[in-house]
Amino acid sequence: MTIDLKIEGDRAFMKIEGFLNSDNANILHEKLTEVLQSEARFLELDLYGCKNISSIGIGKLLMFYKDFIGKGGDIEVVRSSSTIYELFAMLKLNQLFPVNLE
């Protein structure tokens, strides 16, 4: 799994590729912490290259969501694979933040 993170002013852009699971969820946690500690108020997530997200990865995203929204932030999944889109829809995460399919 690879995670590319760019923070530009009040916007953060994160691209996740590969399989997000318990073996590498700590890397996701570190990157999300960087976003929380920055001036970013909007996070664009690109999950098009992400093949699967385990329950631990979903948990990390939800904890981040709670903290980020609490400081006035907003999240959008700008691109997702059909697998991730269906997973987020099944878990109703698309009711918390926009999830776009590409």
C-alpha atoms as a PDB file:
ATOM      1  CA  MET A   1       0.000   0.000   0.000  1.00  0.00           C
ATOM      2  CA  THR A   2       1.131   3.528  -0.736  1.00  0.00           C
ATOM      3  CA  ILE A   3      -0.274   6.796   0.549  1.00  0.00           C
ATOM      4  CA  ASP A   4       0.570  10.107  -1.080  1.00  0.00           C
ATOM      5  CA  LEU A   5      -0.345  13.176   0.958  1.00  0.00           C
ATOM      6  CA  LYS A   6      -0.123  16.810  -0.116  1.00  0.00           C
ATOM      7  CA  ILE A   7      -1.256  19.685   2.059  1.00  0.00           C
ATOM      8  CA  GLU A   8      -1.722  23.074   0.398  1.00  0.00           C
ATOM      9  CA  GLY A   9      -3.106  25.730   2.696  1.00  0.00           C
ATOM     10  CA  ASP A  10      -6.523  24.685   3.915  1.00  0.00           C
ATOM     11  CA  ARG A  11      -6.753  21.687   1.544  1.00  0.00           C
ATOM     12  CA  ALA A  12      -5.260  18.224   1.843  1.00  0.00           C
ATOM     13  CA  PHE A  13      -5.095  15.651  -0.928  1.00  0.00           C
ATOM     14  CA  MET A  14      -4.574  11.986  -0.083  1.00  0.00           C
ATOM     15  CA  LYS A  15      -4.230   9.145  -2.581  1.00  0.00           C
ATOM     16  CA  ILE A  16      -4.284   5.567  -1.292  1.00  0.00           C
ATOM     17  CA  GLU A  17      -3.302   2.654  -3.526  1.00  0.00           C
ATOM     18  CA  GLY A  18      -3.179  -1.067  -2.783  1.00  0.00           C
ATOM     19  CA  PHE A  19      -4.658  -2.997   0.118  1.00  0.00           C
ATOM     20  CA  LEU A  20      -5.337  -1.142   3.380  1.00  0.00           C
ATOM     21  CA  ASN A  21      -5.287  -3.669   6.211  1.00  0.00           C
ATOM     22  CA  SER A  22      -4.108  -4.214   9.785  1.00  0.00           C
ATOM     23  CA  ASP A  23      -0.483  -4.549   8.640  1.00  0.00           C
ATOM     24  CA  ASN A  24      -0.347  -0.989   7.334  1.00  0.00           C
ATOM     25  CA  ALA A  25      -3.212   0.847   9.069  1.00  0.00           C
ATOM     26  CA  ASN A  26      -0.624   2.611  11.254  1.00  0.00           C
ATOM     27  CA  ILE A  27       0.684   4.385   8.133  1.00  0.00           C
ATOM     28  CA  LEU A  28      -2.836   5.646   7.409  1.00  0.00           C
ATOM     29  CA  HIS A  29      -3.131   6.796  11.023  1.00  0.00           C
ATOM     30  CA  GLU A  30       0.142   8.759  10.733  1.00  0.00           C
ATOM     31  CA  LYS A  31      -0.969  10.485   7.510  1.00  0.00           C
ATOM     32  CA  LEU A  32      -4.392  11.341   8.916  1.00  0.00           C
ATOM     33  CA  THR A  33      -2.731  12.758  12.030  1.00  0.00           C
ATOM     34  CA  GLU A  34      -0.632  15.004   9.765  1.00  0.00           C
ATOM     35  CA  VAL A  35      -3.859  16.323   8.235  1.00  0.00           C
ATOM     36  CA  LEU A  36      -5.414  16.905  11.671  1.00  0.00           C
ATOM     37  CA  GLN A  37      -2.360  18.818  12.865  1.00  0.00           C
ATOM     38  CA  SER A  38      -2.230  20.979   9.733  1.00  0.00           C
ATOM     39  CA  GLU A  39      -4.296  24.002   8.738  1.00  0.00           C
ATOM     40  CA  ALA A  40      -6.305  21.839   6.313  1.00  0.00           C
ATOM     41  CA  ARG A  41     -10.079  22.090   6.559  1.00  0.00           C
ATOM     42  CA  PHE A  42     -10.906  19.972   3.525  1.00  0.00           C
ATOM     43  CA  LEU A  43      -9.605  16.506   2.668  1.00  0.00           C
ATOM     44  CA  GLU A  44      -9.928  15.038  -0.799  1.00  0.00           C
ATOM     45  CA  LEU A  45      -9.466  11.259  -0.748  1.00  0.00           C
ATOM     46  CA  ASP A  46      -8.588   9.433  -3.956  1.00  0.00           C
ATOM     47  CA  LEU A  47      -9.339   5.746  -3.432  1.00  0.00           C
ATOM     48  CA  TYR A  48      -9.453   4.719  -7.075  1.00  0.00           C
ATOM     49  CA  GLY A  49      -6.304   2.576  -6.744  1.00  0.00           C
ATOM     50  CA  CYS A  50      -7.313   1.166  -3.357  1.00  0.00           C
ATOM     51  CA  LYS A  51      -8.212  -2.495  -3.776  1.00  0.00           C
ATOM     52  CA  ASN A  52      -9.739  -3.130  -0.348  1.00  0.00           C
ATOM     53  CA  ILE A  53     -10.019  -1.566   3.110  1.00  0.00           C
ATOM     54  CA  SER A  54     -10.183  -3.771   6.201  1.00  0.00           C
ATOM     55  CA  SER A  55     -12.341  -3.016   9.219  1.00  0.00           C
ATOM     56  CA  ILE A  56      -9.291  -1.529  10.952  1.00  0.00           C
ATOM     57  CA  GLY A  57      -8.802   0.894   8.048  1.00  0.00           C
ATOM     58  CA  ILE A  58     -12.495   1.846   8.182  1.00  0.00           C
ATOM     59  CA  GLY A  59     -12.129   2.416  11.925  1.00  0.00           C
ATOM     60  CA  LYS A  60      -9.142   4.738  11.371  1.00  0.00           C
ATOM     61  CA  LEU A  61     -11.140   6.720   8.810  1.00  0.00           C
ATOM     62  CA  LEU A  62     -14.135   7.015  11.143  1.00  0.00           C
ATOM     63  CA  MET A  63     -12.032   8.190  14.093  1.00  0.00           C
ATOM     64  CA  PHE A  64     -10.371  10.744  11.824  1.00  0.00           C
ATOM     65  CA  TYR A  65     -13.763  11.836  10.487  1.00  0.00           C
ATOM     66  CA  LYS A  66     -15.033  12.481  14.013  1.00  0.00           C
ATOM     67  CA  ASP A  67     -11.965  14.543  14.958  1.00  0.00           C
ATOM     68  CA  PHE A  68     -11.746  16.377  11.616  1.00  0.00           C
ATOM     69  CA  ILE A  69     -15.422  17.352  11.551  1.00  0.00           C
ATOM     70  CA  GLY A  70     -15.043  18.453  15.173  1.00  0.00           C
ATOM     71  CA  LYS A  71     -12.491  21.052  14.113  1.00  0.00           C
ATOM     72  CA  GLY A  72     -14.639  22.273  11.222  1.00  0.00           C
ATOM     73  CA  GLY A  73     -13.213  20.029   8.510  1.00  0.00           C
ATOM     74  CA  ASP A  74     -14.910  18.343   5.585  1.00  0.00           C
ATOM     75  CA  ILE A  75     -14.083  15.168   3.634  1.00  0.00           C
ATOM     76  CA  GLU A  76     -14.886  13.967   0.125  1.00  0.00           C
ATOM     77  CA  VAL A  77     -13.891  10.777  -1.646  1.00  0.00           C
ATOM     78  CA  VAL A  78     -13.257  12.267  -5.081  1.00  0.00           C
ATOM     79  CA  ARG A  79     -12.590   8.925  -6.799  1.00  0.00           C
ATOM     80  CA  SER A  80     -13.149   5.358  -5.733  1.00  0.00           C
ATOM     81  CA  SER A  81     -13.046   1.933  -7.290  1.00  0.00           C
ATOM     82  CA  SER A  82     -16.365   0.115  -7.585  1.00  0.00           C
ATOM     83  CA  THR A  83     -15.286  -2.218  -4.752  1.00  0.00           C
ATOM     84  CA  ILE A  84     -14.638   0.666  -2.354  1.00  0.00           C
ATOM     85  CA  TYR A  85     -17.750   2.520  -3.492  1.00  0.00           C
ATOM     86  CA  GLU A  86     -19.924  -0.531  -2.772  1.00  0.00           C
ATOM     87  CA  LEU A  87     -18.226  -1.084   0.609  1.00  0.00           C
ATOM     88  CA  PHE A  88     -18.789   2.532   1.664  1.00  0.00           C
ATOM     89  CA  ALA A  89     -22.409   2.402   0.471  1.00  0.00           C
ATOM     90  CA  MET A  90     -23.036  -0.859   2.343  1.00  0.00           C
ATOM     91  CA  LEU A  91     -21.602   0.677   5.538  1.00  0.00           C
ATOM     92  CA  LYS A  92     -23.537   3.898   4.835  1.00  0.00           C
ATOM     93  CA  LEU A  93     -20.345   5.957   4.970  1.00  0.00           C
ATOM     94  CA  ASN A  94     -21.631   7.806   1.920  1.00  0.00           C
ATOM     95  CA  GLN A  95     -24.189   9.360   4.273  1.00  0.00           C
ATOM     96  CA  LEU A  96     -21.354  10.926   6.317  1.00  0.00           C
ATOM     97  CA  PHE A  97     -19.387  12.337   3.382  1.00  0.00           C
ATOM     98  CA  PRO A  98     -19.625  12.294  -0.429  1.00  0.00           C
ATOM     99  CA  VAL A  99     -18.215   9.187  -2.129  1.00  0.00           C
ATOM    100  CA  ASN A 100     -17.765   9.459  -5.889  1.00  0.00           C
ATOM    101  CA  LEU A 101     -17.358   6.530  -8.227  1.00  0.00           C
ATOM    102  CA  GLU A 102     -15.045   6.647 -11.223  1.00  0.00           C
END
